[in-house]
Amino acid sequence: DDDTAFAMTRYGQERNIFVLPVVSPAVPVGLARLRATITAAHETDEISHALDVIVEAGKSLGVLR
């Protein structure tokens, strides 16, 4: 939901990961998501770290097990 997307965004930003929430009305209610931009300038370990933070956020907020 929108609130969870905002919470995951905050979680990431507190850990220096920049993702944006995409919430209604941009997407249907209940289908909020995160948007991240990856460029050729990112190193593999930076991408892995970002994914780890997103997984941590998801687990802490009950989105992932």
Protein backbone atom coordinates (compact mmCIF):
# COMPACT_ATOMS: atom_id res chain seq x y z
CA ASP A 1 0.00 0.00 0.00
CA ASP A 2 1.00 3.64 -0.23
CA ASP A 3 2.03 3.93 3.43
CA THR A 4 4.31 0.91 3.14
CA ALA A 5 5.95 2.33 0.01
CA PHE A 6 6.61 5.60 1.86
CA ALA A 7 8.01 3.68 4.85
CA MET A 8 10.30 1.61 2.61
CA THR A 9 11.50 4.80 0.95
CA ARG A 10 12.34 6.32 4.35
CA TYR A 11 14.10 3.12 5.40
CA GLY A 12 16.26 3.22 2.29
CA GLN A 13 17.03 6.91 2.54
CA GLU A 14 18.14 6.50 6.16
CA ARG A 15 20.67 3.99 4.78
CA ASN A 16 21.77 6.15 1.82
CA ILE A 17 19.70 4.30 -0.77
CA PHE A 18 17.64 6.59 -2.97
CA VAL A 19 14.36 5.08 -4.14
CA LEU A 20 11.10 6.83 -4.82
CA PRO A 21 7.63 5.60 -3.93
CA VAL A 22 5.15 5.25 -6.78
CA VAL A 23 1.71 5.51 -5.20
CA SER A 24 -1.91 6.10 -6.20
CA PRO A 25 -3.15 7.72 -8.36
CA ALA A 26 -0.03 6.96 -10.46
CA VAL A 27 -0.72 3.26 -9.87
CA PRO A 28 -3.94 1.53 -8.81
CA VAL A 29 -4.73 1.59 -5.08
CA GLY A 30 -2.96 -1.30 -3.37
CA LEU A 31 -0.26 -1.64 -6.03
CA ALA A 32 2.31 0.88 -4.77
CA ARG A 33 5.90 0.20 -5.71
CA LEU A 34 9.40 1.59 -5.46
CA ARG A 35 11.32 3.15 -8.32
CA ALA A 36 15.10 2.99 -8.44
CA THR A 37 17.42 4.21 -11.15
CA ILE A 38 20.55 2.22 -11.90
CA THR A 39 23.20 3.64 -14.21
CA ALA A 40 26.42 2.37 -15.74
CA ALA A 41 28.25 4.35 -13.06
CA HIS A 42 26.98 2.02 -10.31
CA GLU A 43 29.28 -0.77 -9.24
CA THR A 44 27.97 -4.30 -8.74
CA ASP A 45 28.58 -4.12 -4.99
CA GLU A 46 26.58 -0.88 -4.77
CA ILE A 47 23.63 -2.52 -6.51
CA SER A 48 23.89 -5.57 -4.25
CA HIS A 49 23.95 -3.31 -1.18
CA ALA A 50 20.87 -1.44 -2.40
CA LEU A 51 19.01 -4.71 -2.94
CA ASP A 52 20.03 -5.88 0.54
CA VAL A 53 18.63 -2.67 2.06
CA ILE A 54 15.37 -3.05 0.12
CA VAL A 55 15.04 -6.65 1.31
CA GLU A 56 15.73 -5.54 4.91
CA ALA A 57 13.04 -2.87 4.57
CA GLY A 58 10.58 -5.36 3.15
CA LYS A 59 11.21 -7.83 5.95
CA SER A 60 11.01 -5.21 8.68
CA LEU A 61 7.68 -3.94 7.32
CA GLY A 62 6.18 -7.37 6.74
CA VAL A 63 6.21 -7.20 2.94
CA LEU A 64 8.74 -10.05 2.68
CA ARG A 65 9.37 -13.08 4.86
